């Protein structure tokens, strides 16, 4: 079953996207549902090996990867999650617990 979050998560047989107020003001994630309101909510719902597709925008929340998850954040997606053409920035680096891993693609960390 797909999980949709202005962030999207995709694994071998699953896809998720997360709606972020900074990136998707209408919280629609291109019409995909369910729709999470924070990156952390998408991280918490994601299974190990998921890819979270994140819509363009500036995100100031604190994000932490826990529970031996191996995740990828893929940024710069437009609000339909069809094209990568927007700038995605996290205002602080995500925390990653020992035993977990995080790969960042097309995503900036800014102070």
C-alpha atoms as a PDB file:
ATOM      1  CA  UNK A   1       0.000   0.000   0.000  1.00  0.00           C
ATOM      2  CA  UNK A   2       1.449   3.402  -0.946  1.00  0.00           C
ATOM      3  CA  UNK A   3       2.255   5.930   1.756  1.00  0.00           C
ATOM      4  CA  UNK A   4       2.267   9.518   0.536  1.00  0.00           C
ATOM      5  CA  UNK A   5       3.855  12.266   2.595  1.00  0.00           C
ATOM      6  CA  UNK A   6       5.346  17.016   0.458  1.00  0.00           C
ATOM      7  CA  UNK A   7       7.872  14.250   1.004  1.00  0.00           C
ATOM      8  CA  UNK A   8       7.718  10.973  -0.759  1.00  0.00           C
ATOM      9  CA  UNK A   9       9.141   7.623   0.312  1.00  0.00           C
ATOM     10  CA  UNK A  10       9.841   4.813  -2.117  1.00  0.00           C
ATOM     11  CA  UNK A  11      11.191   1.382  -1.440  1.00  0.00           C
ATOM     12  CA  UNK A  12      11.432  -1.711  -3.608  1.00  0.00           C
ATOM     13  CA  UNK A  13       7.664  -2.232  -3.531  1.00  0.00           C
ATOM     14  CA  UNK A  14       6.348   0.918  -1.881  1.00  0.00           C
ATOM     15  CA  UNK A  15       6.218   4.648  -2.512  1.00  0.00           C
ATOM     16  CA  UNK A  16       5.533   7.458  -0.043  1.00  0.00           C
ATOM     17  CA  UNK A  17       5.431  11.212  -0.213  1.00  0.00           C
ATOM     18  CA  UNK A  18       5.096  13.765   2.642  1.00  0.00           C
ATOM     19  CA  UNK A  19       3.151  17.006   2.415  1.00  0.00           C
ATOM     20  CA  UNK A  20       5.135  19.894   3.811  1.00  0.00           C
ATOM     21  CA  UNK A  21       3.529  23.262   4.480  1.00  0.00           C
ATOM     22  CA  UNK A  22       6.608  25.081   3.169  1.00  0.00           C
ATOM     23  CA  UNK A  23       6.588  23.104  -0.060  1.00  0.00           C
ATOM     24  CA  UNK A  24       3.008  22.013  -0.576  1.00  0.00           C
ATOM     25  CA  UNK A  25       0.747  24.627   1.000  1.00  0.00           C
ATOM     26  CA  UNK A  26      -2.391  22.663   0.120  1.00  0.00           C
ATOM     27  CA  UNK A  27      -0.875  19.515   1.693  1.00  0.00           C
ATOM     28  CA  UNK A  28      -1.962  17.482  -1.332  1.00  0.00           C
ATOM     29  CA  UNK A  29       1.329  15.834  -2.420  1.00  0.00           C
ATOM     30  CA  UNK A  30       0.093  15.859  -5.992  1.00  0.00           C
ATOM     31  CA  UNK A  31      -3.178  14.246  -4.960  1.00  0.00           C
ATOM     32  CA  UNK A  32      -1.447  11.281  -3.339  1.00  0.00           C
ATOM     33  CA  UNK A  33      -2.699  10.047   0.046  1.00  0.00           C
ATOM     34  CA  UNK A  34      -2.250   9.551   2.957  1.00  0.00           C
ATOM     35  CA  UNK A  35      -0.429  12.813   3.413  1.00  0.00           C
ATOM     36  CA  UNK A  36       1.975  13.491   6.303  1.00  0.00           C
ATOM     37  CA  UNK A  37       2.458  17.028   7.570  1.00  0.00           C
ATOM     38  CA  UNK A  38       6.133  16.720   8.614  1.00  0.00           C
ATOM     39  CA  UNK A  39       9.286  15.030   7.390  1.00  0.00           C
ATOM     40  CA  UNK A  40       9.564  13.329  10.786  1.00  0.00           C
ATOM     41  CA  UNK A  41       6.099  11.812  10.386  1.00  0.00           C
ATOM     42  CA  UNK A  42       7.196  10.329   7.046  1.00  0.00           C
ATOM     43  CA  UNK A  43      10.441   9.045   8.590  1.00  0.00           C
ATOM     44  CA  UNK A  44       8.508   7.421  11.431  1.00  0.00           C
ATOM     45  CA  UNK A  45       6.096   5.725   8.997  1.00  0.00           C
ATOM     46  CA  UNK A  46       8.777   4.619   6.518  1.00  0.00           C
ATOM     47  CA  UNK A  47      10.142   1.093   6.386  1.00  0.00           C
ATOM     48  CA  UNK A  48      13.862   0.365   6.207  1.00  0.00           C
ATOM     49  CA  UNK A  49      15.109   0.916   2.654  1.00  0.00           C
ATOM     50  CA  UNK A  50      12.532   3.597   1.795  1.00  0.00           C
ATOM     51  CA  UNK A  51      13.274   6.678  -0.294  1.00  0.00           C
ATOM     52  CA  UNK A  52      11.526   9.852   0.912  1.00  0.00           C
ATOM     53  CA  UNK A  53      10.811  12.220  -1.980  1.00  0.00           C
ATOM     54  CA  UNK A  54      10.785  15.784  -0.620  1.00  0.00           C
ATOM     55  CA  UNK A  55       9.119  18.711  -2.376  1.00  0.00           C
ATOM     56  CA  UNK A  56      11.105  21.891  -2.922  1.00  0.00           C
ATOM     57  CA  UNK A  57      11.117  24.348  -0.021  1.00  0.00           C
ATOM     58  CA  UNK A  58      12.913  25.254   3.198  1.00  0.00           C
ATOM     59  CA  UNK A  59      12.333  22.931   6.139  1.00  0.00           C
ATOM     60  CA  UNK A  60      13.203  24.016   9.677  1.00  0.00           C
ATOM     61  CA  UNK A  61      12.026  20.990  11.652  1.00  0.00           C
ATOM     62  CA  UNK A  62      14.311  18.690  13.623  1.00  0.00           C
ATOM     63  CA  UNK A  63      14.479  15.276  11.923  1.00  0.00           C
ATOM     64  CA  UNK A  64      15.837  12.123  13.527  1.00  0.00           C
ATOM     65  CA  UNK A  65      16.257   8.668  11.960  1.00  0.00           C
ATOM     66  CA  UNK A  66      15.971   5.902  14.574  1.00  0.00           C
ATOM     67  CA  UNK A  67      15.252   2.211  14.823  1.00  0.00           C
ATOM     68  CA  UNK A  68      17.881   0.712  12.503  1.00  0.00           C
ATOM     69  CA  UNK A  69      16.338   2.288   9.392  1.00  0.00           C
ATOM     70  CA  UNK A  70      18.248   2.813   6.178  1.00  0.00           C
ATOM     71  CA  UNK A  71      16.581   5.732   4.393  1.00  0.00           C
ATOM     72  CA  UNK A  72      17.228   8.036   1.442  1.00  0.00           C
ATOM     73  CA  UNK A  73      15.949  11.621   1.208  1.00  0.00           C
ATOM     74  CA  UNK A  74      15.464  12.674  -2.425  1.00  0.00           C
ATOM     75  CA  UNK A  75      14.824  16.423  -2.709  1.00  0.00           C
ATOM     76  CA  UNK A  76      13.922  19.112  -5.259  1.00  0.00           C
ATOM     77  CA  UNK A  77      10.588  17.593  -6.317  1.00  0.00           C
ATOM     78  CA  UNK A  78       7.749  19.767  -7.572  1.00  0.00           C
ATOM     79  CA  UNK A  79       4.329  19.586  -5.892  1.00  0.00           C
ATOM     80  CA  UNK A  80       3.165  16.823  -8.259  1.00  0.00           C
ATOM     81  CA  UNK A  81       6.244  14.691  -7.529  1.00  0.00           C
ATOM     82  CA  UNK A  82       6.721  14.217 -11.266  1.00  0.00           C
ATOM     83  CA  UNK A  83       9.762  16.509 -11.841  1.00  0.00           C
ATOM     84  CA  UNK A  84      12.862  17.551  -9.920  1.00  0.00           C
ATOM     85  CA  UNK A  85      13.141  21.295 -10.481  1.00  0.00           C
ATOM     86  CA  UNK A  86      12.815  22.979  -7.097  1.00  0.00           C
ATOM     87  CA  UNK A  87      15.347  23.689  -4.361  1.00  0.00           C
ATOM     88  CA  UNK A  88      14.981  21.671  -1.154  1.00  0.00           C
ATOM     89  CA  UNK A  89      16.849  22.760   1.974  1.00  0.00           C
ATOM     90  CA  UNK A  90      16.899  21.504   5.548  1.00  0.00           C
ATOM     91  CA  UNK A  91      17.858  24.223   8.031  1.00  0.00           C
ATOM     92  CA  UNK A  92      19.680  21.669  10.190  1.00  0.00           C
ATOM     93  CA  UNK A  93      21.266  18.316   9.519  1.00  0.00           C
ATOM     94  CA  UNK A  94      19.097  15.295  10.398  1.00  0.00           C
ATOM     95  CA  UNK A  95      20.135  13.187  13.374  1.00  0.00           C
ATOM     96  CA  UNK A  96      20.919   9.556  12.616  1.00  0.00           C
ATOM     97  CA  UNK A  97      20.955   6.975  15.420  1.00  0.00           C
ATOM     98  CA  UNK A  98      23.704   4.330  15.576  1.00  0.00           C
ATOM     99  CA  UNK A  99      22.540   1.372  13.488  1.00  0.00           C
ATOM    100  CA  UNK A 100      20.584   3.583  11.070  1.00  0.00           C
ATOM    101  CA  UNK A 101      21.766   5.297   7.889  1.00  0.00           C
ATOM    102  CA  UNK A 102      20.639   8.231   5.750  1.00  0.00           C
ATOM    103  CA  UNK A 103      21.583   9.094   2.178  1.00  0.00           C
ATOM    104  CA  UNK A 104      20.839  12.605   0.853  1.00  0.00           C
ATOM    105  CA  UNK A 105      20.159  13.234  -2.848  1.00  0.00           C
ATOM    106  CA  UNK A 106      19.449  16.666  -4.385  1.00  0.00           C
ATOM    107  CA  UNK A 107      19.062  18.247  -0.955  1.00  0.00           C
ATOM    108  CA  UNK A 108      20.911  21.112   0.762  1.00  0.00           C
ATOM    109  CA  UNK A 109      21.700  21.587   4.445  1.00  0.00           C
ATOM    110  CA  UNK A 110      21.744  25.304   5.283  1.00  0.00           C
ATOM    111  CA  UNK A 111      22.416  27.057   8.615  1.00  0.00           C
END
